[in-house]
C-alpha atoms as a PDB file:
ATOM      1  CA  MET A   1      83.259 213.998  42.980  1.00  0.00           C
ATOM      2  CA  ARG A   2      82.044 217.525  43.679  1.00  0.00           C
ATOM      3  CA  GLU A   3      79.261 218.326  46.069  1.00  0.00           C
ATOM      4  CA  LYS A   4      76.092 219.911  44.716  1.00  0.00           C
ATOM      5  CA  PHE A   5      75.330 223.386  46.045  1.00  0.00           C
ATOM      6  CA  PHE A   6      71.641 224.202  45.706  1.00  0.00           C
ATOM      7  CA  THR A   7      71.385 227.842  44.686  1.00  0.00           C
ATOM      8  CA  GLY A   8      68.395 230.148  44.722  1.00  0.00           C
ATOM      9  CA  LEU A   9      67.838 229.306  41.047  1.00  0.00           C
ATOM     10  CA  ASP A  10      67.646 225.584  41.874  1.00  0.00           C
ATOM     11  CA  ILE A  11      65.209 226.189  44.694  1.00  0.00           C
ATOM     12  CA  GLY A  12      63.169 228.959  43.061  1.00  0.00           C
ATOM     13  CA  LEU A  13      59.478 228.157  43.191  1.00  0.00           C
ATOM     14  CA  VAL A  14      56.246 230.052  42.625  1.00  0.00           C
ATOM     15  CA  LEU A  15      53.457 228.142  44.280  1.00  0.00           C
ATOM     16  CA  PRO A  16      50.149 229.043  45.909  1.00  0.00           C
ATOM     17  CA  HIS A  17      50.340 226.627  48.850  1.00  0.00           C
ATOM     18  CA  PRO A  18      47.787 223.872  48.065  1.00  0.00           C
ATOM     19  CA  GLY A  19      47.601 222.444  51.587  1.00  0.00           C
ATOM     20  CA  PRO A  20      48.782 219.117  52.976  1.00  0.00           C
ATOM     21  CA  GLY A  21      49.500 216.539  50.331  1.00  0.00           C
ATOM     22  CA  TYR A  22      52.150 215.632  47.782  1.00  0.00           C
ATOM     23  CA  LEU A  23      53.790 217.477  44.929  1.00  0.00           C
ATOM     24  CA  THR A  24      55.088 215.848  41.767  1.00  0.00           C
ATOM     25  CA  THR A  25      56.338 216.946  38.358  1.00  0.00           C
ATOM     26  CA  THR A  26      54.095 214.490  36.508  1.00  0.00           C
ATOM     27  CA  PRO A  27      50.336 213.794  36.678  1.00  0.00           C
ATOM     28  CA  ASP A  28      51.041 210.072  36.100  1.00  0.00           C
ATOM     29  CA  THR A  29      49.376 208.680  39.221  1.00  0.00           C
ATOM     30  CA  ALA A  30      47.557 205.425  39.731  1.00  0.00           C
ATOM     31  CA  ASP A  31      44.430 206.876  41.303  1.00  0.00           C
ATOM     32  CA  GLY A  32      43.991 209.875  39.001  1.00  0.00           C
ATOM     33  CA  GLN A  33      43.706 212.357  41.864  1.00  0.00           C
ATOM     34  CA  ALA A  34      46.501 214.672  40.729  1.00  0.00           C
ATOM     35  CA  VAL A  35      45.427 218.223  39.917  1.00  0.00           C
ATOM     36  CA  PRO A  36      47.512 221.228  38.768  1.00  0.00           C
ATOM     37  CA  ALA A  37      49.116 222.919  41.761  1.00  0.00           C
ATOM     38  CA  GLY A  38      49.054 226.304  40.079  1.00  0.00           C
ATOM     39  CA  GLY A  39      52.822 226.742  40.263  1.00  0.00           C
ATOM     40  CA  ARG A  40      56.000 226.324  38.258  1.00  0.00           C
ATOM     41  CA  VAL A  41      59.409 225.130  39.307  1.00  0.00           C
ATOM     42  CA  ARG A  42      62.765 226.372  37.928  1.00  0.00           C
ATOM     43  CA  ASP A  43      62.462 225.340  34.242  1.00  0.00           C
ATOM     44  CA  ALA A  44      58.713 226.129  34.018  1.00  0.00           C
ATOM     45  CA  THR A  45      57.772 222.496  34.695  1.00  0.00           C
ATOM     46  CA  THR A  46      54.160 222.277  35.858  1.00  0.00           C
ATOM     47  CA  LEU A  47      53.655 220.994  39.385  1.00  0.00           C
ATOM     48  CA  TRP A  48      50.832 218.624  40.258  1.00  0.00           C
ATOM     49  CA  TRP A  49      49.301 218.132  43.668  1.00  0.00           C
ATOM     50  CA  LEU A  50      47.901 214.972  45.242  1.00  0.00           C
ATOM     51  CA  PRO A  51      45.737 215.357  48.345  1.00  0.00           C
ATOM     52  CA  SER A  52      46.816 213.653  51.537  1.00  0.00           C
ATOM     53  CA  SER A  53      45.071 210.464  52.544  1.00  0.00           C
ATOM     54  CA  PRO A  54      44.765 208.225  55.605  1.00  0.00           C
ATOM     55  CA  THR A  55      47.564 206.037  54.230  1.00  0.00           C
ATOM     56  CA  THR A  56      51.172 206.583  55.261  1.00  0.00           C
ATOM     57  CA  VAL A  57      53.487 209.028  53.535  1.00  0.00           C
ATOM     58  CA  ALA A  58      55.424 206.261  51.837  1.00  0.00           C
ATOM     59  CA  GLU A  59      52.333 204.346  50.675  1.00  0.00           C
ATOM     60  CA  GLN A  60      50.783 207.474  49.186  1.00  0.00           C
ATOM     61  CA  ALA A  61      53.994 208.340  47.390  1.00  0.00           C
ATOM     62  CA  ARG A  62      54.064 204.925  45.710  1.00  0.00           C
ATOM     63  CA  THR A  63      51.085 205.932  43.548  1.00  0.00           C
ATOM     64  CA  ALA A  64      53.277 208.397  41.656  1.00  0.00           C
ATOM     65  CA  SER A  65      55.529 207.570  38.732  1.00  0.00           C
ATOM     66  CA  ALA A  66      58.863 205.997  39.673  1.00  0.00           C
ATOM     67  CA  ARG A  67      60.588 208.854  37.854  1.00  0.00           C
ATOM     68  CA  ALA A  68      58.602 211.638  39.475  1.00  0.00           C
ATOM     69  CA  PRO A  69      60.218 213.628  42.281  1.00  0.00           C
ATOM     70  CA  VAL A  70      57.613 213.603  45.015  1.00  0.00           C
ATOM     71  CA  GLU A  71      57.696 215.909  48.030  1.00  0.00           C
ATOM     72  CA  VAL A  72      55.770 215.662  51.249  1.00  0.00           C
ATOM     73  CA  CYS A  73      53.906 218.931  51.653  1.00  0.00           C
ATOM     74  CA  PRO A  74      52.484 219.245  55.181  1.00  0.00           C
ATOM     75  CA  ASP A  75      50.549 222.231  56.438  1.00  0.00           C
ATOM     76  CA  GLY A  76      52.713 225.293  56.919  1.00  0.00           C
ATOM     77  CA  THR A  77      55.577 224.261  54.621  1.00  0.00           C
ATOM     78  CA  GLU A  78      57.234 227.373  53.211  1.00  0.00           C
ATOM     79  CA  GLY A  79      57.723 227.758  49.464  1.00  0.00           C
ATOM     80  CA  GLU A  80      61.525 227.694  49.591  1.00  0.00           C
ATOM     81  CA  ASN A  81      61.427 224.469  51.620  1.00  0.00           C
ATOM     82  CA  ILE A  82      59.173 222.831  49.043  1.00  0.00           C
ATOM     83  CA  GLY A  83      61.525 224.068  46.334  1.00  0.00           C
ATOM     84  CA  LEU A  84      64.614 222.657  48.058  1.00  0.00           C
ATOM     85  CA  ALA A  85      63.012 219.242  48.555  1.00  0.00           C
ATOM     86  CA  LEU A  86      61.964 219.135  44.898  1.00  0.00           C
ATOM     87  CA  ALA A  87      65.450 220.251  43.831  1.00  0.00           C
ATOM     88  CA  LEU A  88      66.987 217.419  45.851  1.00  0.00           C
ATOM     89  CA  ALA A  89      64.565 214.911  44.322  1.00  0.00           C
ATOM     90  CA  ASP A  90      65.560 216.126  40.839  1.00  0.00           C
ATOM     91  CA  HIS A  91      69.248 215.789  41.783  1.00  0.00           C
ATOM     92  CA  LEU A  92      68.742 212.256  43.124  1.00  0.00           C
ATOM     93  CA  THR A  93      66.974 211.297  39.885  1.00  0.00           C
ATOM     94  CA  THR A  94      70.013 212.500  37.932  1.00  0.00           C
ATOM     95  CA  CYS A  95      72.438 210.651  40.208  1.00  0.00           C
ATOM     96  CA  ARG A  96      70.569 207.342  40.358  1.00  0.00           C
ATOM     97  CA  GLY A  97      69.262 207.200  36.817  1.00  0.00           C
ATOM     98  CA  PRO A  98      65.819 207.417  35.206  1.00  0.00           C
ATOM     99  CA  ARG A  99      64.717 203.931  36.332  1.00  0.00           C
ATOM    100  CA  ALA A 100      65.380 204.534  40.005  1.00  0.00           C
ATOM    101  CA  ARG A 101      62.464 205.291  42.295  1.00  0.00           C
ATOM    102  CA  ILE A 102      63.050 208.448  44.295  1.00  0.00           C
ATOM    103  CA  GLY A 103      61.367 208.460  47.664  1.00  0.00           C
ATOM    104  CA  PRO A 104      59.336 211.421  48.924  1.00  0.00           C
ATOM    105  CA  CYS A 105      61.607 214.225  50.156  1.00  0.00           C
ATOM    106  CA  SER A 106      60.843 216.668  52.953  1.00  0.00           C
ATOM    107  CA  LEU A 107      62.575 219.098  55.290  1.00  0.00           C
ATOM    108  CA  THR A 108      60.791 217.422  58.188  1.00  0.00           C
ATOM    109  CA  PRO A 109      61.468 213.791  59.190  1.00  0.00           C
ATOM    110  CA  PRO A 110      58.794 211.480  57.748  1.00  0.00           C
ATOM    111  CA  PRO A 111      57.107 209.004  60.090  1.00  0.00           C
ATOM    112  CA  LEU A 112      58.842 205.665  60.567  1.00  0.00           C
ATOM    113  CA  THR A 113      56.894 203.032  58.641  1.00  0.00           C
ATOM    114  CA  PRO A 114      57.490 199.240  58.550  1.00  0.00           C
ATOM    115  CA  GLY A 115      59.377 198.320  55.382  1.00  0.00           C
ATOM    116  CA  TYR A 116      60.731 201.856  54.883  1.00  0.00           C
ATOM    117  CA  LEU A 117      63.818 203.801  55.919  1.00  0.00           C
ATOM    118  CA  ARG A 118      64.156 207.548  56.336  1.00  0.00           C
ATOM    119  CA  LEU A 119      67.487 208.952  55.219  1.00  0.00           C
ATOM    120  CA  PRO A 120      68.684 212.460  56.149  1.00  0.00           C
ATOM    121  CA  HIS A 121      70.520 213.751  53.082  1.00  0.00           C
ATOM    122  CA  LEU A 122      73.214 216.244  54.098  1.00  0.00           C
ATOM    123  CA  VAL A 123      72.375 219.151  51.812  1.00  0.00           C
ATOM    124  CA  TRP A 124      74.358 222.341  51.189  1.00  0.00           C
ATOM    125  CA  ALA A 125      71.969 225.055  50.073  1.00  0.00           C
ATOM    126  CA  GLN A 126      71.286 228.753  49.849  1.00  0.00           C
ATOM    127  CA  THR A 127      68.610 229.728  52.371  1.00  0.00           C
ATOM    128  CA  PRO A 128      67.065 233.051  53.448  1.00  0.00           C
ATOM    129  CA  HIS A 129      69.681 232.971  56.214  1.00  0.00           C
ATOM    130  CA  GLY A 130      72.651 232.361  53.912  1.00  0.00           C
ATOM    131  CA  ALA A 131      74.426 229.180  52.782  1.00  0.00           C
ATOM    132  CA  ARG A 132      73.748 226.352  55.216  1.00  0.00           C
ATOM    133  CA  ASP A 133      74.184 222.617  55.668  1.00  0.00           C
ATOM    134  CA  LEU A 134      70.899 221.006  56.645  1.00  0.00           C
ATOM    135  CA  PRO A 135      69.143 217.631  56.464  1.00  0.00           C
ATOM    136  CA  VAL A 136      66.549 216.929  53.798  1.00  0.00           C
ATOM    137  CA  TRP A 137      64.786 213.629  54.395  1.00  0.00           C
ATOM    138  CA  GLU A 138      63.948 210.878  51.909  1.00  0.00           C
ATOM    139  CA  SER A 139      61.690 207.907  52.657  1.00  0.00           C
ATOM    140  CA  LEU A 140      62.831 204.750  50.834  1.00  0.00           C
ATOM    141  CA  THR A 141      61.681 201.150  50.895  1.00  0.00           C
ATOM    142  CA  THR A 142      64.271 198.779  52.294  1.00  0.00           C
ATOM    143  CA  THR A 143      64.566 197.222  48.808  1.00  0.00           C
ATOM    144  CA  GLU A 144      65.294 200.601  47.198  1.00  0.00           C
ATOM    145  CA  ALA A 145      67.773 201.466  49.936  1.00  0.00           C
ATOM    146  CA  ARG A 146      69.610 198.178  49.426  1.00  0.00           C
ATOM    147  CA  ARG A 147      69.747 198.769  45.668  1.00  0.00           C
ATOM    148  CA  TRP A 148      71.204 202.258  46.113  1.00  0.00           C
ATOM    149  CA  LEU A 149      73.580 201.558  48.998  1.00  0.00           C
ATOM    150  CA  GLY A 150      74.537 197.978  48.182  1.00  0.00           C
ATOM    151  CA  THR A 151      73.237 196.799  51.559  1.00  0.00           C
ATOM    152  CA  ARG A 152      70.393 197.474  53.978  1.00  0.00           C
ATOM    153  CA  PRO A 153      71.561 199.942  56.643  1.00  0.00           C
ATOM    154  CA  PRO A 154      71.084 198.529  60.158  1.00  0.00           C
ATOM    155  CA  ALA A 155      68.434 200.354  62.159  1.00  0.00           C
ATOM    156  CA  ALA A 156      70.998 200.969  64.905  1.00  0.00           C
ATOM    157  CA  ASP A 157      73.228 202.881  62.449  1.00  0.00           C
ATOM    158  CA  LEU A 158      70.354 205.049  61.230  1.00  0.00           C
ATOM    159  CA  ASP A 159      69.289 205.798  64.803  1.00  0.00           C
ATOM    160  CA  PHE A 160      72.879 206.739  65.728  1.00  0.00           C
ATOM    161  CA  ILE A 161      73.126 209.062  62.715  1.00  0.00           C
ATOM    162  CA  GLU A 162      69.838 210.801  63.566  1.00  0.00           C
ATOM    163  CA  ARG A 163      70.968 211.380  67.156  1.00  0.00           C
ATOM    164  CA  HIS A 164      74.248 212.906  65.934  1.00  0.00           C
ATOM    165  CA  LEU A 165      73.009 214.927  62.955  1.00  0.00           C
ATOM    166  CA  ASP A 166      74.156 218.267  64.376  1.00  0.00           C
ATOM    167  CA  GLN A 167      77.681 216.937  64.911  1.00  0.00           C
ATOM    168  CA  LEU A 168      77.701 215.369  61.449  1.00  0.00           C
ATOM    169  CA  LEU A 169      76.682 218.641  59.803  1.00  0.00           C
ATOM    170  CA  LEU A 170      79.375 220.455  61.787  1.00  0.00           C
ATOM    171  CA  LEU A 171      82.049 218.005  60.576  1.00  0.00           C
ATOM    172  CA  LYS A 172      80.773 218.464  57.028  1.00  0.00           C
ATOM    173  CA  ARG A 173      80.933 222.246  57.221  1.00  0.00           C
ATOM    174  CA  ARG A 174      84.433 222.182  58.693  1.00  0.00           C
ATOM    175  CA  ALA A 175      85.649 219.679  56.104  1.00  0.00           C
ATOM    176  CA  ARG A 176      84.642 222.113  53.379  1.00  0.00           C
ATOM    177  CA  ALA A 177      86.272 225.064  55.148  1.00  0.00           C
ATOM    178  CA  HIS A 178      89.499 223.177  55.968  1.00  0.00           C
ATOM    179  CA  PRO A 179      90.005 220.427  53.364  1.00  0.00           C
ATOM    180  CA  THR A 180      93.669 220.009  54.349  1.00  0.00           C
ATOM    181  CA  ALA A 181      95.503 219.999  57.632  1.00  0.00           C
ATOM    182  CA  ALA A 182      97.750 222.898  56.648  1.00  0.00           C
ATOM    183  CA  ASP A 183      96.442 224.849  59.615  1.00  0.00           C
ATOM    184  CA  GLY A 184      96.435 221.750  61.773  1.00  0.00           C
ATOM    185  CA  SER A 185      96.375 223.688  65.024  1.00  0.00           C
ATOM    186  CA  ALA A 186      92.787 224.696  64.238  1.00  0.00           C
ATOM    187  CA  ILE A 187      91.626 221.198  63.277  1.00  0.00           C
ATOM    188  CA  SER A 188      90.663 218.529  65.800  1.00  0.00           C
ATOM    189  CA  PRO A 189      92.019 214.966  65.449  1.00  0.00           C
ATOM    190  CA  ALA A 190      88.523 213.814  64.456  1.00  0.00           C
ATOM    191  CA  GLN A 191      88.300 216.459  61.734  1.00  0.00           C
ATOM    192  CA  ARG A 192      91.793 215.653  60.475  1.00  0.00           C
ATOM    193  CA  SER A 193      90.883 211.957  60.272  1.00  0.00           C
ATOM    194  CA  LEU A 194      87.741 212.754  58.285  1.00  0.00           C
ATOM    195  CA  ASN A 195      89.575 215.101  55.910  1.00  0.00           C
ATOM    196  CA  ARG A 196      92.133 212.377  55.167  1.00  0.00           C
ATOM    197  CA  LEU A 197      89.393 209.837  54.461  1.00  0.00           C
ATOM    198  CA  LEU A 198      87.606 212.233  52.116  1.00  0.00           C
ATOM    199  CA  ALA A 199      90.855 213.081  50.310  1.00  0.00           C
ATOM    200  CA  ARG A 200      91.817 209.419  49.951  1.00  0.00           C
ATOM    201  CA  THR A 201      88.449 208.393  48.521  1.00  0.00           C
ATOM    202  CA  GLY A 202      87.845 211.528  46.427  1.00  0.00           C
ATOM    203  CA  ARG A 203      84.374 211.867  47.947  1.00  0.00           C
ATOM    204  CA  TYR A 204      82.427 214.513  49.832  1.00  0.00           C
ATOM    205  CA  LEU A 205      80.471 213.975  53.024  1.00  0.00           C
ATOM    206  CA  SER A 206      77.065 212.623  52.031  1.00  0.00           C
ATOM    207  CA  ILE A 207      74.664 210.333  53.847  1.00  0.00           C
ATOM    208  CA  ARG A 208      75.663 207.546  51.455  1.00  0.00           C
ATOM    209  CA  PHE A 209      79.321 208.073  52.357  1.00  0.00           C
ATOM    210  CA  VAL A 210      78.483 207.983  56.072  1.00  0.00           C
ATOM    211  CA  LEU A 211      76.526 204.733  55.721  1.00  0.00           C
ATOM    212  CA  GLN A 212      79.383 203.175  53.766  1.00  0.00           C
ATOM    213  CA  HIS A 213      81.837 204.045  56.572  1.00  0.00           C
ATOM    214  CA  THR A 214      79.691 203.665  59.677  1.00  0.00           C
ATOM    215  CA  ASP A 215      82.438 202.309  61.947  1.00  0.00           C
ATOM    216  CA  HIS A 216      84.661 205.263  61.104  1.00  0.00           C
ATOM    217  CA  PHE A 217      81.870 207.763  61.741  1.00  0.00           C
ATOM    218  CA  ARG A 218      80.818 206.151  65.007  1.00  0.00           C
ATOM    219  CA  SER A 219      84.345 206.763  66.256  1.00  0.00           C
ATOM    220  CA  LEU A 220      84.469 210.308  64.859  1.00  0.00           C
ATOM    221  CA  LEU A 221      81.082 211.353  66.200  1.00  0.00           C
ATOM    222  CA  ASN A 222      81.713 209.928  69.648  1.00  0.00           C
ATOM    223  CA  GLU A 223      85.048 211.780  69.770  1.00  0.00           C
ATOM    224  CA  THR A 224      83.474 215.008  68.509  1.00  0.00           C
ATOM    225  CA  GLY A 225      80.789 214.760  71.164  1.00  0.00           C
ATOM    226  CA  HIS A 226      83.442 214.690  73.874  1.00  0.00           C
ATOM    227  CA  HIS A 227      85.537 217.524  72.405  1.00  0.00           C
ATOM    228  CA  ARG A 228      83.194 220.191  71.074  1.00  0.00           C
END
């Protein structure tokens, strides 16, 4: 399974910033508040904007179609960040299928809400500062998370991952740069262990992969923290 690299064409977005609210690729909303955002994304799809409300991020996002990529759009969000979050939502729709509900995506962590989880997707993307690995967050109900992951991630695992995101992104970047241990002198034992696991499973380092191997990553991240 090959990792998706989000290029400038994926992220490309022309959008007069509409202010805090939510962006979607369909006007199919329960409350009828969606209005044209005045922008286009990648394939000329029209973007629609929903104003923010006193309800939580996750509750507001539930008014949109289950198949609509929805992105949290707080004040000050730059166009390329909106574009990357929408591109990830499109990618998740493709991966999970048209009936799956994609949670709102954002480059900033959404608030923690009872009944919801926030997942930091480990995204590889072109940015104004070059190719980077960075987290893009998705807010999912616990039911949706269980359907996608096969189990509900324990809160302690999610908290551990958030506290070690920088280390996790570093392991991910190094795994791509050194997929084998041919130059073993330059690879730490933790990195070598991760590379072997990725090679054996035929996977790349994603948040889903981390949550499916939490014991392994707890060991790796603790070791990396002591030997940086």
